[in-house]
Amino acid sequence: MFTQAGVREVNTRGTSAKEAEMAEVLQKINDLLVSAGYFRARLNIEPFDKILGGMCWCITGSNYDVDIEFEDDLNRGQKVRLSEKITIALQEMECPFAIHAVQI
């Protein structure tokens, strides 16, 4: 049986392991974006902005005619709408992976 302190320890360890895993995934995404030529991923900006901007950059660099443009000064609502546009563009590009805007 766990004491109150023991339960907190378990939760803290689980959280730090999850944070470490998330940091590793973000680093892999960052490395992929940089290797593709999206050098803005090297900047110290929010991970959401890096991924959203990188996805926009990749999609606009493709041969598909899509209207997607990332700007630095977008508010949260505009970023969500842009995420929705990305998911639609990926469907039009026949991406084999189904992704929702909230997953970006």
Protein backbone atom coordinates (compact mmCIF):
# COMPACT_ATOMS: atom_id res chain seq x y z
CA MET A 1 0.00 0.00 0.00
CA PHE A 2 1.33 3.43 -0.92
CA THR A 3 1.49 6.34 1.44
CA GLN A 4 0.49 9.78 0.26
CA ALA A 5 4.16 10.64 -0.28
CA GLY A 6 4.73 7.37 -2.14
CA VAL A 7 1.90 8.11 -4.54
CA ARG A 8 3.37 11.54 -5.27
CA GLU A 9 6.75 9.93 -5.99
CA VAL A 10 5.24 7.50 -8.47
CA ASN A 11 3.37 10.32 -10.23
CA THR A 12 6.49 12.49 -10.34
CA ARG A 13 8.59 9.69 -11.83
CA GLY A 14 5.90 8.93 -14.42
CA THR A 15 5.66 12.59 -15.39
CA SER A 16 9.41 13.04 -15.80
CA ALA A 17 9.62 9.88 -17.92
CA LYS A 18 6.77 11.17 -20.09
CA GLU A 19 8.47 14.57 -20.40
CA ALA A 20 11.74 12.89 -21.40
CA GLU A 21 9.93 10.83 -24.03
CA MET A 22 8.19 13.96 -25.36
CA ALA A 23 11.50 15.83 -25.52
CA GLU A 24 13.00 12.94 -27.50
CA VAL A 25 10.09 12.94 -29.97
CA LEU A 26 10.31 16.71 -30.40
CA GLN A 27 14.05 16.43 -31.05
CA LYS A 28 13.44 13.80 -33.73
CA ILE A 29 10.83 16.03 -35.39
CA ASN A 30 13.19 18.98 -35.16
CA ASP A 31 16.03 16.97 -36.73
CA LEU A 32 13.75 15.84 -39.57
CA LEU A 33 12.64 19.40 -40.29
CA VAL A 34 16.23 20.69 -40.32
CA SER A 35 17.41 17.83 -42.54
CA ALA A 36 14.57 18.67 -44.97
CA GLY A 37 15.84 22.26 -45.15
CA TYR A 38 13.51 24.02 -42.71
CA PHE A 39 16.24 25.87 -40.81
CA ARG A 40 13.76 27.89 -38.77
CA ALA A 41 13.42 24.74 -36.65
CA ARG A 42 16.82 25.61 -35.15
CA LEU A 43 15.40 28.76 -33.54
CA ASN A 44 14.35 28.85 -29.91
CA ILE A 45 10.59 29.07 -30.47
CA GLU A 46 7.61 27.12 -29.20
CA PRO A 47 7.49 23.50 -30.42
CA PHE A 48 3.94 24.02 -31.73
CA ASP A 49 5.15 26.92 -33.89
CA LYS A 50 8.11 24.88 -35.16
CA ILE A 51 5.95 21.93 -36.14
CA LEU A 52 3.15 24.05 -37.60
CA GLY A 53 5.58 26.20 -39.57
CA GLY A 54 7.55 23.17 -40.71
CA MET A 55 4.45 21.38 -41.92
CA CYS A 56 3.31 24.49 -43.82
CA TRP A 57 6.78 24.83 -45.34
CA CYS A 58 6.85 21.18 -46.43
CA ILE A 59 3.35 21.27 -47.91
CA THR A 60 3.90 24.52 -49.83
CA GLY A 61 7.16 23.10 -51.19
CA SER A 62 5.32 20.14 -52.66
CA ASN A 63 3.75 19.97 -56.11
CA TYR A 64 0.24 20.40 -54.71
CA ASP A 65 -1.67 23.66 -55.09
CA VAL A 66 -2.66 24.57 -51.52
CA ASP A 67 -3.28 27.88 -49.80
CA ILE A 68 -1.30 27.53 -46.59
CA GLU A 69 0.99 30.17 -45.16
CA PHE A 70 2.50 30.34 -41.68
CA GLU A 71 3.14 33.75 -40.13
CA ASP A 72 4.94 34.55 -36.89
CA ASP A 73 2.24 36.76 -35.39
CA LEU A 74 -0.74 34.41 -35.60
CA ASN A 75 -2.93 34.13 -32.53
CA ARG A 76 -3.99 30.76 -31.09
CA GLY A 77 -7.27 30.67 -33.05
CA GLN A 78 -5.53 31.40 -36.34
CA LYS A 79 -3.00 28.65 -35.61
CA VAL A 80 -5.81 26.18 -34.97
CA ARG A 81 -7.48 27.15 -38.27
CA LEU A 82 -4.14 26.73 -40.02
CA SER A 83 -3.81 23.27 -38.43
CA GLU A 84 -7.22 22.40 -39.86
CA LYS A 85 -6.09 23.58 -43.30
CA ILE A 86 -3.02 21.35 -42.99
CA THR A 87 -5.14 18.29 -42.24
CA ILE A 88 -7.32 19.02 -45.28
CA ALA A 89 -4.23 19.52 -47.46
CA LEU A 90 -2.78 16.21 -46.25
CA GLN A 91 -6.01 14.44 -47.18
CA GLU A 92 -5.92 16.05 -50.65
CA MET A 93 -2.30 14.92 -50.98
CA GLU A 94 -3.48 11.38 -50.18
CA CYS A 95 -1.33 11.13 -47.06
CA PRO A 96 -1.54 7.54 -45.76
CA PHE A 97 -1.79 8.78 -42.16
CA ALA A 98 -5.00 10.27 -40.79
CA ILE A 99 -4.19 13.26 -38.60
CA HIS A 100 -6.46 15.69 -36.79
CA ALA A 101 -5.72 19.35 -36.13
CA VAL A 102 -5.46 18.75 -32.37
CA GLN A 103 -2.63 16.24 -32.97
CA ILE A 104 -0.29 18.87 -34.38
